[in-house]
Protein backbone atom coordinates (compact mmCIF):
# COMPACT_ATOMS: atom_id res chain seq x y z
CA MET A 1 5.97 -48.68 31.40
CA LYS A 2 6.43 -49.25 27.67
CA THR A 3 3.41 -47.03 26.96
CA LEU A 4 4.84 -44.23 29.08
CA PHE A 5 8.18 -44.54 27.30
CA LEU A 6 6.54 -44.29 23.86
CA HIS A 7 4.47 -41.32 25.04
CA ALA A 8 7.63 -39.56 26.20
CA LEU A 9 9.29 -40.18 22.83
CA ILE A 10 6.31 -38.74 20.99
CA LEU A 11 6.33 -35.61 23.17
CA ALA A 12 10.08 -35.19 22.74
CA SER A 13 9.74 -35.46 18.97
CA PHE A 14 6.79 -33.04 19.00
CA PHE A 15 8.69 -30.28 20.80
CA ALA A 16 11.99 -30.90 19.04
CA SER A 17 10.41 -30.42 15.63
CA GLY A 18 8.57 -27.28 16.68
CA SER A 19 6.07 -28.07 13.93
CA ALA A 20 2.96 -27.58 16.03
CA ALA A 21 4.12 -25.65 19.06
CA GLN A 22 6.18 -23.05 17.25
CA PRO A 23 5.29 -22.00 13.72
CA ASN A 24 7.70 -20.44 11.30
CA ILE A 25 7.40 -16.66 11.01
CA LEU A 26 7.69 -14.77 7.73
CA PHE A 27 7.83 -11.00 8.26
CA ILE A 28 7.58 -8.94 5.06
CA MET A 29 8.09 -5.18 5.03
CA THR A 30 7.83 -2.59 2.31
CA ASP A 31 9.01 1.01 2.62
CA GLN A 32 6.79 4.09 2.17
CA HIS A 33 3.62 2.15 1.41
CA SER A 34 0.27 3.82 2.12
CA ALA A 35 -2.39 1.77 3.88
CA ASP A 36 -4.88 1.37 1.05
CA ALA A 37 -2.52 1.34 -1.96
CA MET A 38 -3.38 -2.24 -2.97
CA SER A 39 -5.95 -3.45 -5.44
CA PHE A 40 -8.00 -5.39 -2.88
CA ARG A 41 -8.51 -2.05 -1.13
CA MET A 42 -8.85 0.51 -3.93
CA GLY A 43 -9.84 -1.62 -6.91
CA ASP A 44 -7.67 -2.58 -9.87
CA ARG A 45 -8.28 0.33 -12.26
CA TYR A 46 -5.00 2.06 -11.40
CA ILE A 47 -3.07 -0.59 -9.47
CA LYS A 48 -2.84 -4.38 -9.47
CA THR A 49 -1.26 -6.21 -6.52
CA PRO A 50 -2.05 -9.92 -6.96
CA ALA A 51 0.44 -11.10 -4.32
CA LEU A 52 -0.84 -8.86 -1.55
CA ASP A 53 -4.41 -9.54 -2.64
CA ARG A 54 -3.70 -13.27 -2.29
CA LEU A 55 -2.22 -12.76 1.17
CA ALA A 56 -5.20 -10.67 2.25
CA ALA A 57 -7.54 -13.41 1.00
CA ARG A 58 -6.06 -15.72 3.63
CA GLY A 59 -5.25 -13.13 6.28
CA THR A 60 -6.64 -10.37 8.48
CA TYR A 61 -6.33 -6.81 7.23
CA PHE A 62 -6.19 -4.10 9.89
CA SER A 63 -7.85 -0.99 8.49
CA LYS A 64 -6.74 1.20 11.40
CA ALA A 65 -3.08 0.25 11.68
CA TYR A 66 -0.69 3.11 12.35
CA THR A 67 3.06 3.50 12.33
CA PRO A 68 4.62 4.59 15.63
CA ASN A 69 6.40 7.38 13.72
CA PRO A 70 6.09 8.10 9.97
CA LEU A 71 9.83 7.97 9.23
CA CYS A 72 12.16 5.06 8.48
CA MET A 73 14.52 4.77 11.45
CA PRO A 74 12.07 5.64 14.23
CA ALA A 75 9.46 3.27 12.84
CA ARG A 76 11.79 0.37 12.14
CA ASN A 77 13.60 0.49 15.48
CA SER A 78 10.24 0.61 17.22
CA ILE A 79 8.86 -2.35 15.26
CA PHE A 80 11.91 -4.51 15.90
CA THR A 81 12.20 -3.69 19.63
CA GLY A 82 8.51 -3.36 20.46
CA ARG A 83 9.30 -0.04 22.16
CA LEU A 84 7.99 3.40 21.21
CA PRO A 85 10.24 6.05 19.61
CA HIS A 86 10.29 8.22 22.72
CA GLU A 87 11.73 5.20 24.57
CA THR A 88 14.41 4.34 22.01
CA LYS A 89 15.20 8.09 21.60
CA ILE A 90 15.25 7.50 17.83
CA THR A 91 12.88 10.14 16.54
CA ASP A 92 14.47 10.93 13.16
CA ASN A 93 17.01 9.41 10.77
CA SER A 94 20.02 10.61 12.75
CA LYS A 95 22.76 8.12 13.52
CA ILE A 96 22.36 6.68 16.99
CA THR A 97 23.15 3.36 18.63
CA LEU A 98 20.84 1.39 20.88
CA ASP A 99 21.89 -0.44 24.01
CA PRO A 100 21.18 -4.06 22.96
CA THR A 101 20.66 -5.14 26.57
CA GLU A 102 17.92 -2.56 27.14
CA PHE A 103 16.43 -2.63 23.64
CA VAL A 104 16.47 -6.29 22.69
CA THR A 105 15.40 -6.81 19.10
CA MET A 106 13.26 -9.33 17.27
CA GLY A 107 16.18 -11.39 16.00
CA THR A 108 17.72 -11.76 19.44
CA TYR A 109 14.43 -12.72 21.08
CA PHE A 110 13.74 -15.50 18.59
CA ALA A 111 17.33 -16.74 18.39
CA ARG A 112 17.23 -17.18 22.17
CA ALA A 113 13.96 -19.10 21.76
CA GLY A 114 15.67 -21.60 19.45
CA TYR A 115 14.56 -20.14 16.14
CA GLN A 116 16.72 -19.99 13.06
CA THR A 117 16.82 -16.29 12.22
CA ALA A 118 17.50 -14.62 8.88
CA TYR A 119 17.18 -11.10 7.51
CA PHE A 120 17.38 -10.00 3.87
CA GLY A 121 16.96 -6.45 2.60
CA LYS A 122 16.96 -2.89 3.85
CA TRP A 123 18.37 -2.62 7.37
CA HIS A 124 18.14 0.92 8.82
CA LEU A 125 18.29 -0.35 12.41
CA ALA A 126 20.42 1.37 15.01
CA TYR A 127 23.04 -0.93 16.43
CA ASN A 128 26.36 -1.07 18.22
CA GLU A 129 28.77 -3.08 16.06
CA ALA A 130 30.81 -4.23 19.03
CA ALA A 131 27.89 -5.13 21.29
CA SER A 132 25.33 -6.44 18.80
CA PRO A 133 26.35 -6.31 15.14
CA THR A 134 23.39 -8.29 13.78
CA HIS A 135 20.71 -7.96 16.49
CA GLY A 136 20.42 -11.72 16.71
CA PHE A 137 19.97 -12.48 13.02
CA GLN A 138 22.18 -15.47 12.31
CA THR A 139 21.95 -14.77 8.59
CA LEU A 140 22.06 -11.09 7.67
CA ASP A 141 22.40 -9.88 4.08
CA THR A 142 21.58 -6.26 3.28
CA GLY A 143 22.29 -3.81 0.50
CA HIS A 144 20.70 -5.69 -2.41
CA ILE A 145 17.92 -4.62 -4.75
CA ASP A 146 14.47 -6.03 -4.12
CA ALA A 147 14.68 -8.76 -6.77
CA ASP A 148 17.85 -10.14 -5.17
CA ASN A 149 16.30 -10.02 -1.70
CA ALA A 150 13.32 -12.03 -2.95
CA ALA A 151 15.69 -14.60 -4.46
CA LEU A 152 17.74 -14.87 -1.26
CA ALA A 153 14.61 -15.27 0.85
CA SER A 154 13.20 -17.90 -1.52
CA THR A 155 16.44 -19.88 -1.37
CA PHE A 156 16.38 -19.74 2.42
CA ILE A 157 12.79 -21.00 2.53
CA ALA A 158 13.60 -23.90 0.19
CA ARG A 159 16.28 -25.27 2.52
CA LYS A 160 15.56 -28.14 4.87
CA HIS A 161 14.88 -26.69 8.32
CA ASP A 162 15.25 -28.76 11.47
CA ARG A 163 13.77 -26.00 13.65
CA PRO A 164 11.32 -23.15 13.16
CA PHE A 165 12.60 -20.02 11.48
CA LEU A 166 12.03 -16.28 11.66
CA LEU A 167 12.61 -14.81 8.21
CA VAL A 168 12.51 -11.04 7.64
CA VAL A 169 12.32 -9.78 4.07
CA SER A 170 12.67 -6.01 4.03
CA PHE A 171 11.96 -4.55 0.59
CA LEU A 172 12.92 -1.01 -0.43
CA ASN A 173 10.10 -0.16 -2.78
CA PRO A 174 7.93 1.81 -3.17
CA HIS A 175 10.52 4.12 -1.54
CA ASN A 176 11.85 4.88 -5.03
CA VAL A 177 9.01 7.40 -5.23
CA CYS A 178 11.52 9.76 -3.56
CA GLU A 179 13.90 9.45 -6.51
CA LEU A 180 10.94 9.64 -8.87
CA ALA A 181 9.96 13.05 -7.48
CA ARG A 182 13.55 14.25 -7.85
CA GLY A 183 13.88 12.98 -11.41
CA GLN A 184 16.68 10.59 -10.41
CA GLU A 185 17.49 7.05 -11.48
CA LEU A 186 15.47 4.35 -9.72
CA ASN A 187 17.86 1.85 -8.18
CA ASN A 188 15.34 -0.99 -8.38
CA GLY A 189 14.89 -0.53 -12.11
CA PRO A 190 12.87 1.72 -14.44
CA ILE A 191 9.09 1.84 -14.59
CA GLY A 192 8.60 3.54 -17.96
CA GLU A 193 7.05 6.87 -18.82
CA PRO A 194 3.65 8.08 -17.59
CA PRO A 195 0.74 7.68 -20.01
CA PRO A 196 -1.36 10.61 -21.25
CA VAL A 197 -3.04 12.61 -18.50
CA ALA A 198 -6.45 11.06 -19.12
CA GLN A 199 -5.02 7.60 -18.37
CA ARG A 200 -3.26 8.55 -15.13
CA PRO A 201 -4.76 8.21 -11.66
CA PRO A 202 -6.50 11.40 -10.58
CA ALA A 203 -4.70 13.94 -8.43
CA PRO A 204 -5.67 13.53 -4.78
CA ALA A 205 -8.95 15.16 -3.79
CA ASN A 206 -7.14 16.64 -0.79
CA LEU A 207 -4.32 18.24 -2.79
CA ALA A 208 -4.91 21.64 -1.12
CA PRO A 209 -3.87 22.42 2.46
CA PRO A 210 -6.63 22.02 5.06
CA ARG A 211 -8.77 25.06 5.71
CA ASN A 212 -7.76 26.80 8.96
CA GLU A 213 -4.72 24.56 9.37
CA PRO A 214 -2.33 25.56 12.19
CA ASP A 215 0.63 27.65 11.13
CA SER A 216 2.75 24.81 12.53
CA MET A 217 1.94 22.83 9.41
CA THR A 218 1.93 25.80 7.04
CA ARG A 219 5.46 26.61 8.14
CA ILE A 220 6.59 22.98 7.88
CA ARG A 221 5.19 22.76 4.34
CA SER A 222 7.25 25.83 3.44
CA GLY A 223 10.33 24.07 4.81
CA TYR A 224 9.63 20.97 2.73
CA HIS A 225 9.04 23.02 -0.39
CA ALA A 226 12.27 24.93 0.24
CA ASN A 227 14.24 21.74 -0.30
CA PRO A 228 15.90 22.29 -3.71
CA GLN A 229 15.96 18.54 -4.37
CA PHE A 230 12.16 18.32 -4.28
CA PRO A 231 10.47 20.56 -6.84
CA VAL A 232 6.98 19.66 -5.60
CA ALA A 233 6.18 23.29 -4.75
CA LYS A 234 5.85 23.83 -8.50
CA PHE A 235 3.95 20.60 -9.23
CA SER A 236 0.76 21.01 -11.24
CA PRO A 237 -2.14 18.58 -10.69
CA GLU A 238 -1.00 16.78 -13.87
CA MET A 239 2.47 16.32 -12.38
CA TRP A 240 0.97 14.91 -9.19
CA GLN A 241 -1.00 12.52 -11.39
CA ALA A 242 2.26 11.39 -13.01
CA LEU A 243 3.84 10.88 -9.59
CA ARG A 244 0.91 8.84 -8.38
CA TRP A 245 1.01 6.74 -11.56
CA GLY A 246 4.69 6.05 -10.87
CA TYR A 247 4.01 5.32 -7.21
CA TYR A 248 1.53 2.62 -8.14
CA ARG A 249 4.01 1.10 -10.61
CA LEU A 250 6.60 0.91 -7.81
CA ILE A 251 4.09 -0.86 -5.58
CA GLU A 252 3.32 -3.31 -8.37
CA LYS A 253 7.05 -3.87 -8.80
CA VAL A 254 7.56 -4.84 -5.16
CA ASP A 255 4.31 -6.84 -5.14
CA ALA A 256 5.83 -9.09 -7.81
CA GLU A 257 8.82 -9.77 -5.53
CA ILE A 258 6.53 -10.48 -2.58
CA GLY A 259 4.73 -12.96 -4.81
CA LYS A 260 7.98 -14.86 -5.40
CA VAL A 261 8.53 -15.25 -1.64
CA LEU A 262 4.95 -16.42 -1.08
CA ASP A 263 5.34 -18.87 -3.97
CA ALA A 264 8.51 -20.28 -2.39
CA LEU A 265 6.66 -20.78 0.91
CA GLN A 266 3.87 -22.61 -0.88
CA ALA A 267 6.29 -24.76 -2.90
CA ALA A 268 8.06 -25.78 0.31
CA GLY A 269 4.75 -26.90 1.82
CA LEU A 270 5.13 -24.49 4.75
CA GLU A 271 2.01 -22.31 4.43
CA ASP A 272 0.05 -24.23 7.07
CA ASN A 273 2.81 -23.82 9.64
CA THR A 274 3.90 -20.25 9.02
CA LEU A 275 2.69 -17.01 10.54
CA ILE A 276 2.92 -14.30 7.88
CA VAL A 277 2.99 -10.62 8.84
CA PHE A 278 3.08 -7.87 6.23
CA THR A 279 3.41 -4.16 6.93
CA ALA A 280 5.29 -1.01 5.93
CA ASP A 281 7.38 1.33 8.03
CA HIS A 282 5.27 4.37 7.03
CA GLY A 283 3.15 5.75 4.23
CA GLU A 284 3.54 8.29 1.42
CA CYS A 285 1.58 11.52 0.94
CA ALA A 286 1.82 11.51 -2.89
CA GLY A 287 0.33 14.97 -3.06
CA ALA A 288 -1.98 14.96 -0.04
CA HIS A 289 -2.09 18.57 1.19
CA GLY A 290 0.80 19.46 -1.09
CA PHE A 291 3.25 17.02 0.51
CA ASN A 292 5.24 14.18 -0.90
CA GLN A 293 7.14 11.69 1.25
CA LYS A 294 6.23 11.14 4.90
CA THR A 295 6.96 12.46 8.46
CA VAL A 296 3.71 14.43 8.75
CA LEU A 297 0.73 13.11 10.71
CA TYR A 298 -1.77 13.10 7.85
CA GLU A 299 -3.47 9.74 7.24
CA GLU A 300 -1.58 9.03 4.00
CA SER A 301 1.71 9.24 5.90
CA ALA A 302 0.78 7.77 9.29
CA ARG A 303 -1.60 4.93 8.45
CA VAL A 304 0.04 1.78 7.09
CA PRO A 305 -0.98 -1.59 5.62
CA LEU A 306 -1.01 -4.49 8.05
CA ILE A 307 -1.97 -8.05 7.13
CA VAL A 308 -1.54 -10.94 9.56
CA SER A 309 -2.10 -14.45 8.23
CA ALA A 310 -2.27 -17.14 10.90
CA PRO A 311 -0.84 -20.59 10.17
CA GLY A 312 -3.42 -22.44 8.09
CA GLN A 313 -5.78 -19.45 7.77
CA ARG A 314 -7.98 -19.83 4.72
CA ILE A 315 -10.42 -16.92 4.86
CA ALA A 316 -10.13 -13.14 4.69
CA ARG A 317 -10.97 -11.06 7.74
CA LEU A 318 -11.17 -7.33 8.35
CA SER A 319 -10.45 -5.73 11.71
CA ASN A 320 -11.33 -2.13 12.46
CA LYS A 321 -9.58 -2.19 15.83
CA PHE A 322 -6.64 0.17 16.34
CA ALA A 323 -3.19 -1.37 15.88
CA ASN A 324 0.22 0.20 16.41
CA THR A 325 2.85 -1.61 14.36
CA GLY A 326 5.61 -0.40 16.67
CA THR A 327 4.19 -2.07 19.76
CA ASP A 328 1.88 -4.85 18.53
CA ILE A 329 3.85 -6.88 15.98
CA LEU A 330 6.35 -8.42 18.41
CA PRO A 331 3.71 -9.41 21.01
CA THR A 332 1.68 -10.99 18.20
CA MET A 333 4.67 -13.04 17.09
CA PHE A 334 5.36 -14.08 20.68
CA ASP A 335 1.74 -15.12 21.18
CA PHE A 336 1.58 -17.31 18.08
CA SER A 337 5.00 -18.88 18.73
CA GLN A 338 4.52 -19.32 22.50
CA VAL A 339 7.67 -17.34 23.24
CA ALA A 340 7.66 -15.60 26.62
CA ARG A 341 6.81 -11.92 26.35
CA PRO A 342 9.09 -9.43 28.17
CA ALA A 343 7.38 -7.22 30.73
CA LYS A 344 8.73 -4.02 29.15
CA LEU A 345 6.67 -4.50 26.01
CA THR A 346 3.38 -2.64 26.41
CA GLY A 347 1.76 -3.53 23.09
CA LEU A 348 -1.16 -5.84 22.41
CA SER A 349 -1.14 -9.21 20.71
CA LEU A 350 -3.32 -9.17 17.61
CA ARG A 351 -3.86 -12.92 17.78
CA PRO A 352 -7.44 -12.86 19.13
CA LEU A 353 -8.44 -10.43 16.36
CA VAL A 354 -6.71 -12.56 13.74
CA ASN A 355 -8.50 -15.65 15.07
CA ASP A 356 -11.83 -13.78 15.16
CA GLU A 357 -12.17 -14.36 18.89
CA PRO A 358 -14.32 -12.06 21.07
CA VAL A 359 -12.29 -9.28 22.69
CA SER A 360 -13.87 -7.60 25.70
CA VAL A 361 -11.28 -4.85 26.12
CA TRP A 362 -9.18 -3.12 23.45
CA ARG A 363 -7.53 0.28 23.10
CA ASP A 364 -9.92 3.05 22.10
CA VAL A 365 -7.23 5.41 20.80
CA VAL A 366 -3.97 5.19 18.90
CA VAL A 367 -1.05 7.63 19.29
CA VAL A 368 1.57 8.50 16.66
CA GLN A 369 4.76 10.48 17.30
CA ASN A 370 6.81 12.50 14.84
CA ASN A 371 9.81 14.79 14.45
CA MET A 372 9.59 16.96 11.35
CA SER A 373 13.28 17.64 10.92
CA GLN A 374 13.64 17.10 7.17
CA THR A 375 13.08 20.73 6.22
CA PHE A 376 15.22 23.55 4.82
CA PRO A 377 15.67 27.19 5.82
CA VAL A 378 12.79 29.57 5.31
CA ASP A 379 13.49 33.28 5.93
CA GLY A 380 16.78 32.39 7.58
CA ASN A 381 15.42 29.79 10.01
CA VAL A 382 14.81 26.06 9.71
CA PRO A 383 11.21 25.21 10.60
CA THR A 384 11.18 21.91 12.44
CA THR A 385 9.08 20.62 15.26
CA GLU A 386 7.99 17.48 17.06
CA GLY A 387 4.36 16.50 17.45
CA ARG A 388 1.91 13.97 18.79
CA MET A 389 -1.31 12.65 17.27
CA ILE A 390 -4.13 10.89 19.07
CA ARG A 391 -6.97 9.32 17.12
CA THR A 392 -10.36 8.06 18.26
CA ASP A 393 -12.87 6.34 16.00
CA ARG A 394 -14.14 9.72 14.86
CA TYR A 395 -11.64 12.46 15.67
CA LYS A 396 -7.94 13.14 15.23
CA TYR A 397 -6.16 15.63 17.48
CA CYS A 398 -2.58 16.77 16.82
CA VAL A 399 -0.38 19.09 18.85
CA TYR A 400 3.05 20.43 17.96
CA ALA A 401 5.94 21.81 19.98
CA HIS A 402 6.22 25.04 17.95
CA GLY A 403 4.06 27.51 16.11
CA GLN A 404 1.66 30.32 16.82
CA THR A 405 -1.23 27.87 16.50
CA ARG A 406 -0.08 24.44 17.59
CA GLU A 407 -3.23 22.29 17.65
CA SER A 408 -5.24 20.53 14.98
CA LEU A 409 -8.61 18.81 15.21
CA ILE A 410 -10.19 16.83 12.37
CA ASP A 411 -13.57 15.09 12.27
CA LEU A 412 -12.50 11.99 10.32
CA GLY A 413 -16.05 10.69 10.34
CA LYS A 414 -17.25 13.59 8.19
CA ASP A 415 -13.90 14.68 6.73
CA PRO A 416 -11.69 11.65 5.94
CA GLY A 417 -9.55 13.77 3.60
CA GLU A 418 -8.66 16.11 6.50
CA MET A 419 -9.70 19.23 4.60
CA THR A 420 -11.14 21.36 7.44
CA ASP A 421 -9.32 21.97 10.71
CA LEU A 422 -11.72 22.49 13.62
CA ALA A 423 -9.21 23.32 16.37
CA ARG A 424 -10.26 26.97 16.52
CA ASP A 425 -13.96 26.34 16.00
CA PRO A 426 -15.83 27.30 19.23
CA ALA A 427 -18.42 24.59 18.54
CA HIS A 428 -15.69 21.93 18.85
CA ARG A 429 -13.83 23.44 21.80
CA GLN A 430 -14.99 20.82 24.29
CA ILE A 431 -13.98 17.98 21.99
CA LEU A 432 -10.52 19.54 21.59
CA LEU A 433 -10.10 19.88 25.37
CA THR A 434 -11.25 16.30 25.90
CA LEU A 435 -8.73 14.92 23.42
CA ARG A 436 -5.99 17.18 24.77
CA GLU A 437 -6.59 15.68 28.21
CA ARG A 438 -6.78 12.15 26.81
CA LEU A 439 -3.39 12.65 25.16
CA ARG A 440 -2.00 14.01 28.43
CA GLN A 441 -3.18 10.88 30.24
CA TRP A 442 -1.65 8.66 27.56
CA GLY A 443 1.65 10.49 28.01
CA VAL A 444 1.61 9.79 31.75
CA GLU A 445 0.64 6.16 31.28
CA ASN A 446 3.36 5.60 28.67
CA HIS A 447 6.05 7.84 30.18
CA ASP A 448 6.29 10.18 27.20
CA PRO A 449 7.82 13.40 28.59
CA LEU A 450 7.31 15.44 25.41
CA ILE A 451 3.54 15.33 25.79
CA ALA A 452 3.67 16.90 29.23
CA GLU A 453 6.13 19.51 27.95
CA ILE A 454 4.13 20.63 24.92
CA LEU A 455 0.87 20.73 26.89
CA ALA A 456 2.30 22.35 30.01
CA ASP A 457 1.42 25.93 28.99
CA ASP A 458 -2.05 25.15 27.62
CA VAL A 459 -0.60 25.20 24.10
CA LYS A 460 0.38 28.85 23.96
CA PRO A 461 2.30 30.15 20.90
CA ARG A 462 5.96 29.22 20.53
CA ASP A 463 8.27 30.76 17.95
CA PHE A 464 9.84 28.56 15.28
CA ALA A 465 12.93 30.79 15.39
CA GLU A 466 14.02 28.97 18.55
CA VAL A 467 14.56 25.80 16.52
CA LYS A 468 17.74 25.10 14.58
CA THR A 469 18.72 22.10 12.50
CA PRO A 470 22.45 22.35 11.81
CA LYS A 471 22.53 19.22 9.64
CA ASN A 472 19.97 20.56 7.20
CA GLN A 473 21.40 24.08 7.42
CA ASN A 474 24.78 22.69 6.37
CA ARG A 475 23.18 20.76 3.53
CA ALA A 476 21.43 23.90 2.34
CA ASP A 477 24.64 25.94 2.56
CA ASN A 478 26.56 23.31 0.57
CA LEU A 479 23.87 23.20 -2.13
CA ALA A 480 23.97 27.00 -2.34
CA LYS A 481 27.76 26.95 -2.74
CA GLN A 482 27.54 24.30 -5.48
CA LYS A 483 24.93 26.35 -7.31
CA LYS A 484 27.08 29.47 -7.06
CA LYS A 485 30.11 27.63 -8.46
CA SER A 486 28.12 26.25 -11.37
């Protein structure tokens, strides 16, 4: 009887502490960070990221991780709810509120599971102040610069915790590349002046538009270049080199803040009992095909860094399996923490890949959604369209809602820079039709109505003139009035 009593006490203490059954979770996000823009991926000639290199040395890097949508609000609300953008109805940065009972978020899930939840940094989540002002985060502090967010997170980690915690640290940089392109002040601090041209990173090899690209993208590029705040239409290769130099400095700047958070975790002795997940909401084109920023479905914009470090992991691993950060991060956290997974979440847990366990079945494609609404009037109309991308190991197929030619096909195996579009090449017609049908099936399986709509007419031409974006039209009109007054 005494033995049973002692055994019960041990079990009670075990589960109360959560030390073995439920690890802490540290979720680190950057903003506008391309997948390979770290020194452990591209070498240290032009960029040095010791903090992320250190995390990768004890984590699993996913080389084929994609954002659900390469724009802030759609991506972030997908990541934190585990639901795709077509489900949340958040497809651009417009103001919208989510029903917190239908779209339960990460903070709420883990608070209900007994976790201490905290969030520091950029927010950009849709919420209803009356129904769910903090989405379950018991500590919520936003609006600070990255250095302050690192300090707040480090202080939180250093506290004595009587239960496991979920800590989100959401950094802004390297998003300051937007201000850099506009010649504006960087709110996270200066980075200095670019060195001579010979010492800058090279301009991207895929600076030119793809050959035979669909007019969907040609028209969208014109809309981006029409934005008077972004003078990239007039950028020379040397100017793109300066932008890329600055972009790497911004990544180094945020890497230093990430290092402070990782140092705090180590100093607190919590590394062996903490799941660490690092990703970004989307990437940055930095000159790829003449674009800066994001939103487009090119690899630089759509593919993102993803590192998952299991509690106590000591070795680096590389996974080439497809991951979707919008659907897979929450299930992975649930799996490691033994929190029940809701049936509405369709993503995959990355835990077996992180643990290097054999996986008999995995997705063979990844799908990315977008809504290219951040354009300005061209010839009196605002070119904007929604699209879908499906990627296999070798090919990428994209289709858009508007344009005279609405499909794109790239052989990523031979053409990783996406320089030649094969959609209208007769030799690749069967591949295009196969991927078109595979996307259609994915749309049915995942209840994405836009896919059925844009494929319903066998992708016949659709005029951009049907599309209007009043918000951007008003912005353009106001800028024109200001210019006229000055």
